[in-house]
Amino acid sequence: MVSMKNPLAAILDSNRFIGLNYQDWLHNLNLVLASEKLLYTIEKCPPEETPADISPEELITLNQWRDNEVKARCYVMASMSNEMQRRFEKTKYASAILFHLKELYGENSRHERFTAVRSR
């Protein structure tokens, strides 16, 4: 089970990402991340290094973003099949995982074009 705190997370348990269900899975993932106020973390990766001239307030915000990004990545990974988890276990950020999945399974992906051509 993904999370006991968030009842919406149960939809990720029953709709794990296996490949061909990308659009439905992404929709469900976005719902859960939005309810957890983590959606912003999948838009881009946090900076690798903390800027030298960062203010204390900016540092707090950056550290919170990094913490939230870890939570978002855990939701992403926990909602995937074991095979998909293995494919992305070394990918550091949720946004990078989702970028690669969009290339593979999103609209206008090679897989989508292949499926459309094959069904004609």
N, C-alpha and C. Protein backbone atom coordinates (compact mmCIF):
# COMPACT_ATOMS: atom_id res chain seq x y z
N MET A 1 0.85 -1.18 0.00
CA MET A 1 0.00 0.00 0.00
C MET A 1 0.89 1.24 0.00
N VAL A 2 0.51 2.25 -0.79
CA VAL A 2 1.34 3.44 -0.95
C VAL A 2 1.31 4.32 0.30
N SER A 3 0.13 4.65 0.82
CA SER A 3 0.08 5.54 1.98
C SER A 3 -1.19 5.30 2.78
N MET A 4 -1.03 5.24 4.08
CA MET A 4 -2.20 5.09 4.94
C MET A 4 -2.81 6.46 5.24
N LYS A 5 -2.03 7.53 5.17
CA LYS A 5 -2.52 8.86 5.50
C LYS A 5 -3.46 9.41 4.43
N ASN A 6 -3.16 9.17 3.17
CA ASN A 6 -3.92 9.74 2.08
C ASN A 6 -4.83 8.69 1.46
N PRO A 7 -6.15 8.81 1.66
CA PRO A 7 -7.05 7.81 1.09
C PRO A 7 -7.01 7.77 -0.43
N LEU A 8 -6.66 8.89 -1.06
CA LEU A 8 -6.56 8.89 -2.52
C LEU A 8 -5.42 8.02 -3.02
N ALA A 9 -4.41 7.82 -2.20
CA ALA A 9 -3.27 7.01 -2.61
C ALA A 9 -3.68 5.57 -2.94
N ALA A 10 -4.81 5.14 -2.43
CA ALA A 10 -5.30 3.79 -2.72
C ALA A 10 -5.54 3.59 -4.22
N ILE A 11 -5.85 4.67 -4.94
CA ILE A 11 -6.06 4.52 -6.39
C ILE A 11 -4.76 4.15 -7.09
N LEU A 12 -3.63 4.54 -6.52
CA LEU A 12 -2.35 4.16 -7.11
C LEU A 12 -2.06 2.69 -6.86
N ASP A 13 -2.52 2.17 -5.73
CA ASP A 13 -2.34 0.74 -5.44
C ASP A 13 -3.12 -0.11 -6.43
N SER A 14 -4.33 0.30 -6.73
CA SER A 14 -5.17 -0.51 -7.61
C SER A 14 -4.95 -0.21 -9.09
N ASN A 15 -4.18 0.82 -9.40
CA ASN A 15 -3.91 1.19 -10.79
C ASN A 15 -2.41 1.40 -11.00
N ARG A 16 -1.62 0.40 -10.67
CA ARG A 16 -0.17 0.50 -10.80
C ARG A 16 0.23 0.69 -12.25
N PHE A 17 1.29 1.45 -12.46
CA PHE A 17 1.77 1.68 -13.82
C PHE A 17 2.48 0.43 -14.34
N ILE A 18 2.01 -0.07 -15.47
CA ILE A 18 2.60 -1.26 -16.08
C ILE A 18 3.08 -0.99 -17.50
N GLY A 19 2.81 0.20 -18.01
CA GLY A 19 3.25 0.55 -19.36
C GLY A 19 2.12 1.10 -20.20
N LEU A 20 1.21 0.24 -20.59
CA LEU A 20 0.16 0.66 -21.51
C LEU A 20 -0.91 1.52 -20.86
N ASN A 21 -0.94 1.59 -19.56
CA ASN A 21 -1.93 2.39 -18.85
C ASN A 21 -1.37 3.75 -18.43
N TYR A 22 -0.42 4.27 -19.18
CA TYR A 22 0.30 5.49 -18.82
C TYR A 22 -0.64 6.67 -18.53
N GLN A 23 -1.55 6.97 -19.45
CA GLN A 23 -2.40 8.16 -19.28
C GLN A 23 -3.26 8.07 -18.02
N ASP A 24 -3.87 6.91 -17.79
CA ASP A 24 -4.71 6.73 -16.59
C ASP A 24 -3.86 6.82 -15.32
N TRP A 25 -2.70 6.16 -15.34
CA TRP A 25 -1.81 6.19 -14.18
C TRP A 25 -1.34 7.61 -13.88
N LEU A 26 -0.95 8.35 -14.93
CA LEU A 26 -0.47 9.72 -14.73
C LEU A 26 -1.57 10.59 -14.16
N HIS A 27 -2.78 10.42 -14.64
CA HIS A 27 -3.91 11.19 -14.11
C HIS A 27 -4.09 10.91 -12.61
N ASN A 28 -4.06 9.63 -12.24
CA ASN A 28 -4.20 9.25 -10.83
C ASN A 28 -3.03 9.76 -10.00
N LEU A 29 -1.82 9.65 -10.52
CA LEU A 29 -0.64 10.15 -9.81
C LEU A 29 -0.76 11.65 -9.57
N ASN A 30 -1.18 12.39 -10.58
CA ASN A 30 -1.34 13.83 -10.43
C ASN A 30 -2.38 14.17 -9.36
N LEU A 31 -3.46 13.40 -9.30
CA LEU A 31 -4.47 13.63 -8.26
C LEU A 31 -3.87 13.46 -6.87
N VAL A 32 -3.12 12.38 -6.68
CA VAL A 32 -2.53 12.11 -5.37
C VAL A 32 -1.49 13.17 -5.02
N LEU A 33 -0.62 13.49 -5.96
CA LEU A 33 0.42 14.50 -5.69
C LEU A 33 -0.21 15.87 -5.41
N ALA A 34 -1.29 16.21 -6.12
CA ALA A 34 -1.96 17.48 -5.87
C ALA A 34 -2.57 17.50 -4.46
N SER A 35 -3.16 16.38 -4.05
CA SER A 35 -3.77 16.32 -2.72
C SER A 35 -2.72 16.42 -1.62
N GLU A 36 -1.51 15.99 -1.92
CA GLU A 36 -0.40 16.06 -0.95
C GLU A 36 0.40 17.36 -1.09
N LYS A 37 -0.03 18.23 -2.02
CA LYS A 37 0.67 19.49 -2.32
C LYS A 37 2.11 19.24 -2.76
N LEU A 38 2.29 18.19 -3.59
CA LEU A 38 3.60 17.81 -4.10
C LEU A 38 3.70 17.95 -5.61
N LEU A 39 2.65 18.38 -6.25
CA LEU A 39 2.62 18.41 -7.71
C LEU A 39 3.74 19.26 -8.29
N TYR A 40 4.08 20.36 -7.63
CA TYR A 40 5.13 21.24 -8.13
C TYR A 40 6.48 20.53 -8.26
N THR A 41 6.69 19.49 -7.49
CA THR A 41 8.00 18.83 -7.47
C THR A 41 8.30 18.06 -8.74
N ILE A 42 7.26 17.72 -9.53
CA ILE A 42 7.51 16.94 -10.74
C ILE A 42 7.72 17.81 -11.97
N GLU A 43 7.67 19.14 -11.78
CA GLU A 43 7.85 20.03 -12.91
C GLU A 43 9.31 20.21 -13.29
N LYS A 44 10.20 20.18 -12.32
CA LYS A 44 11.64 20.27 -12.60
C LYS A 44 12.42 19.70 -11.42
N CYS A 45 13.68 19.40 -11.68
CA CYS A 45 14.56 18.84 -10.64
C CYS A 45 15.07 19.96 -9.74
N PRO A 46 15.24 19.68 -8.47
CA PRO A 46 15.87 20.68 -7.61
C PRO A 46 17.35 20.82 -7.98
N PRO A 47 17.95 21.96 -7.66
CA PRO A 47 19.37 22.13 -7.98
C PRO A 47 20.23 21.11 -7.23
N GLU A 48 21.25 20.61 -7.90
CA GLU A 48 22.16 19.64 -7.27
C GLU A 48 22.91 20.25 -6.09
N GLU A 49 23.36 21.49 -6.28
CA GLU A 49 24.14 22.16 -5.24
C GLU A 49 23.40 23.38 -4.74
N THR A 50 23.58 23.68 -3.47
CA THR A 50 22.98 24.86 -2.89
C THR A 50 23.80 26.08 -3.30
N PRO A 51 23.16 27.10 -3.87
CA PRO A 51 23.90 28.31 -4.25
C PRO A 51 24.60 28.93 -3.04
N ALA A 52 25.80 29.45 -3.27
CA ALA A 52 26.60 30.01 -2.18
C ALA A 52 25.95 31.25 -1.57
N ASP A 53 25.21 32.01 -2.37
CA ASP A 53 24.64 33.27 -1.89
C ASP A 53 23.18 33.14 -1.46
N ILE A 54 22.76 31.94 -1.07
CA ILE A 54 21.35 31.69 -0.72
C ILE A 54 21.05 32.28 0.66
N SER A 55 19.86 32.88 0.77
CA SER A 55 19.44 33.43 2.07
C SER A 55 18.92 32.30 2.95
N PRO A 56 18.85 32.53 4.26
CA PRO A 56 18.32 31.49 5.15
C PRO A 56 16.89 31.07 4.78
N GLU A 57 16.05 32.04 4.37
CA GLU A 57 14.67 31.72 3.98
C GLU A 57 14.66 30.86 2.71
N GLU A 58 15.51 31.21 1.75
CA GLU A 58 15.59 30.44 0.50
C GLU A 58 16.12 29.03 0.77
N LEU A 59 17.02 28.91 1.72
CA LEU A 59 17.56 27.60 2.08
C LEU A 59 16.47 26.71 2.67
N ILE A 60 15.63 27.28 3.51
CA ILE A 60 14.51 26.53 4.09
C ILE A 60 13.58 26.06 2.96
N THR A 61 13.28 26.96 2.02
CA THR A 61 12.41 26.61 0.89
C THR A 61 13.03 25.53 0.03
N LEU A 62 14.32 25.65 -0.25
CA LEU A 62 15.03 24.66 -1.07
C LEU A 62 15.05 23.30 -0.38
N ASN A 63 15.33 23.28 0.90
CA ASN A 63 15.35 22.01 1.64
C ASN A 63 13.97 21.37 1.69
N GLN A 64 12.92 22.19 1.82
CA GLN A 64 11.55 21.67 1.81
C GLN A 64 11.23 21.08 0.44
N TRP A 65 11.67 21.76 -0.63
CA TRP A 65 11.47 21.25 -1.99
C TRP A 65 12.16 19.91 -2.16
N ARG A 66 13.39 19.81 -1.68
CA ARG A 66 14.12 18.54 -1.78
C ARG A 66 13.41 17.43 -1.01
N ASP A 67 12.92 17.73 0.19
CA ASP A 67 12.18 16.74 0.98
C ASP A 67 10.91 16.32 0.27
N ASN A 68 10.19 17.30 -0.28
CA ASN A 68 8.95 16.99 -0.99
C ASN A 68 9.21 16.22 -2.27
N GLU A 69 10.33 16.48 -2.90
CA GLU A 69 10.68 15.76 -4.12
C GLU A 69 10.92 14.28 -3.81
N VAL A 70 11.54 14.01 -2.68
CA VAL A 70 11.76 12.61 -2.27
C VAL A 70 10.40 11.92 -2.06
N LYS A 71 9.47 12.61 -1.42
CA LYS A 71 8.13 12.04 -1.22
C LYS A 71 7.46 11.76 -2.56
N ALA A 72 7.54 12.72 -3.47
CA ALA A 72 6.92 12.54 -4.79
C ALA A 72 7.55 11.37 -5.53
N ARG A 73 8.88 11.24 -5.46
CA ARG A 73 9.55 10.12 -6.12
C ARG A 73 9.10 8.80 -5.52
N CYS A 74 8.92 8.77 -4.22
CA CYS A 74 8.43 7.55 -3.57
C CYS A 74 7.03 7.19 -4.05
N TYR A 75 6.14 8.17 -4.20
CA TYR A 75 4.81 7.90 -4.76
C TYR A 75 4.93 7.34 -6.17
N VAL A 76 5.78 7.95 -6.99
CA VAL A 76 5.96 7.49 -8.36
C VAL A 76 6.45 6.05 -8.37
N MET A 77 7.51 5.78 -7.64
CA MET A 77 8.10 4.44 -7.66
C MET A 77 7.16 3.40 -7.05
N ALA A 78 6.50 3.74 -5.96
CA ALA A 78 5.62 2.78 -5.29
C ALA A 78 4.40 2.44 -6.13
N SER A 79 4.04 3.31 -7.06
CA SER A 79 2.85 3.08 -7.88
C SER A 79 3.15 2.40 -9.20
N MET A 80 4.39 1.92 -9.36
CA MET A 80 4.81 1.23 -10.58
C MET A 80 4.90 -0.26 -10.35
N SER A 81 4.81 -1.01 -11.44
CA SER A 81 5.07 -2.44 -11.35
C SER A 81 6.53 -2.65 -10.96
N ASN A 82 6.85 -3.83 -10.46
CA ASN A 82 8.23 -4.13 -10.06
C ASN A 82 9.19 -3.97 -11.24
N GLU A 83 8.76 -4.38 -12.42
CA GLU A 83 9.61 -4.24 -13.61
C GLU A 83 9.93 -2.77 -13.89
N MET A 84 8.92 -1.92 -13.81
CA MET A 84 9.14 -0.48 -14.05
C MET A 84 10.01 0.12 -12.94
N GLN A 85 9.82 -0.33 -11.71
CA GLN A 85 10.66 0.16 -10.62
C GLN A 85 12.13 -0.13 -10.90
N ARG A 86 12.40 -1.33 -11.37
CA ARG A 86 13.80 -1.69 -11.68
C ARG A 86 14.36 -0.82 -12.78
N ARG A 87 13.55 -0.48 -13.76
CA ARG A 87 14.02 0.35 -14.87
C ARG A 87 14.44 1.74 -14.41
N PHE A 88 13.78 2.26 -13.36
CA PHE A 88 14.00 3.64 -12.94
C PHE A 88 14.61 3.78 -11.55
N GLU A 89 15.10 2.68 -10.96
CA GLU A 89 15.60 2.75 -9.59
C GLU A 89 16.82 3.67 -9.45
N LYS A 90 17.58 3.86 -10.50
CA LYS A 90 18.76 4.73 -10.42
C LYS A 90 18.48 6.17 -10.85
N THR A 91 17.26 6.43 -11.31
CA THR A 91 16.89 7.79 -11.71
C THR A 91 16.59 8.58 -10.44
N LYS A 92 17.29 9.69 -10.27
CA LYS A 92 17.31 10.38 -8.99
C LYS A 92 16.03 11.16 -8.67
N TYR A 93 15.40 11.74 -9.68
CA TYR A 93 14.27 12.64 -9.42
C TYR A 93 12.99 12.17 -10.09
N ALA A 94 11.87 12.44 -9.44
CA ALA A 94 10.55 12.10 -10.00
C ALA A 94 10.35 12.78 -11.35
N SER A 95 10.75 14.03 -11.47
CA SER A 95 10.56 14.75 -12.74
C SER A 95 11.32 14.07 -13.87
N ALA A 96 12.49 13.53 -13.60
CA ALA A 96 13.27 12.83 -14.63
C ALA A 96 12.59 11.52 -15.02
N ILE A 97 12.05 10.81 -14.05
CA ILE A 97 11.32 9.57 -14.34
C ILE A 97 10.13 9.88 -15.24
N LEU A 98 9.36 10.89 -14.86
CA LEU A 98 8.17 11.23 -15.63
C LEU A 98 8.51 11.75 -17.01
N PHE A 99 9.62 12.45 -17.16
CA PHE A 99 10.07 12.90 -18.47
C PHE A 99 10.32 11.70 -19.38
N HIS A 100 11.04 10.71 -18.87
CA HIS A 100 11.34 9.51 -19.67
C HIS A 100 10.07 8.73 -20.00
N LEU A 101 9.17 8.62 -19.04
CA LEU A 101 7.92 7.90 -19.29
C LEU A 101 7.07 8.61 -20.33
N LYS A 102 7.08 9.94 -20.30
CA LYS A 102 6.32 10.70 -21.30
C LYS A 102 6.89 10.44 -22.69
N GLU A 103 8.22 10.41 -22.80
CA GLU A 103 8.83 10.11 -24.09
C GLU A 103 8.45 8.71 -24.58
N LEU A 104 8.38 7.76 -23.66
CA LEU A 104 8.10 6.38 -24.03
C LEU A 104 6.62 6.10 -24.27
N TYR A 105 5.75 6.68 -23.43
CA TYR A 105 4.34 6.29 -23.43
C TYR A 105 3.35 7.43 -23.65
N GLY A 106 3.81 8.66 -23.59
CA GLY A 106 2.89 9.80 -23.73
C GLY A 106 2.38 9.95 -25.14
N GLU A 107 1.48 10.90 -25.32
CA GLU A 107 0.96 11.17 -26.65
C GLU A 107 2.13 11.52 -27.57
N ASN A 108 2.05 11.06 -28.79
CA ASN A 108 3.09 11.26 -29.80
C ASN A 108 4.38 10.50 -29.49
N SER A 109 4.32 9.54 -28.59
CA SER A 109 5.49 8.72 -28.32
C SER A 109 5.65 7.68 -29.41
N ARG A 110 6.80 7.06 -29.47
CA ARG A 110 7.02 6.00 -30.46
C ARG A 110 6.03 4.87 -30.26
N HIS A 111 5.76 4.52 -29.02
CA HIS A 111 4.82 3.44 -28.73
C HIS A 111 3.42 3.78 -29.23
N GLU A 112 2.97 5.01 -28.99
CA GLU A 112 1.64 5.44 -29.44
C GLU A 112 1.55 5.40 -30.96
N ARG A 113 2.59 5.88 -31.65
CA ARG A 113 2.59 5.86 -33.12
C ARG A 113 2.56 4.43 -33.63
N PHE A 114 3.33 3.54 -33.00
CA PHE A 114 3.38 2.14 -33.41
C PHE A 114 1.99 1.50 -33.23
N THR A 115 1.36 1.75 -32.11
CA THR A 115 0.04 1.17 -31.83
C THR A 115 -0.98 1.69 -32.83
N ALA A 116 -0.92 2.99 -33.16
CA ALA A 116 -1.87 3.57 -34.11
C ALA A 116 -1.68 2.98 -35.50
N VAL A 117 -0.44 2.79 -35.93
CA VAL A 117 -0.15 2.23 -37.25
C VAL A 117 -0.61 0.79 -37.28
N ARG A 118 -0.34 0.04 -36.22
CA ARG A 118 -0.69 -1.37 -36.17
C ARG A 118 -2.20 -1.61 -36.18
N SER A 119 -2.97 -0.68 -35.63
CA SER A 119 -4.42 -0.89 -35.53
C SER A 119 -5.16 -0.48 -36.80
N ARG A 120 -4.48 0.02 -37.80
CA ARG A 120 -5.14 0.41 -39.05
C ARG A 120 -5.45 -0.77 -39.91
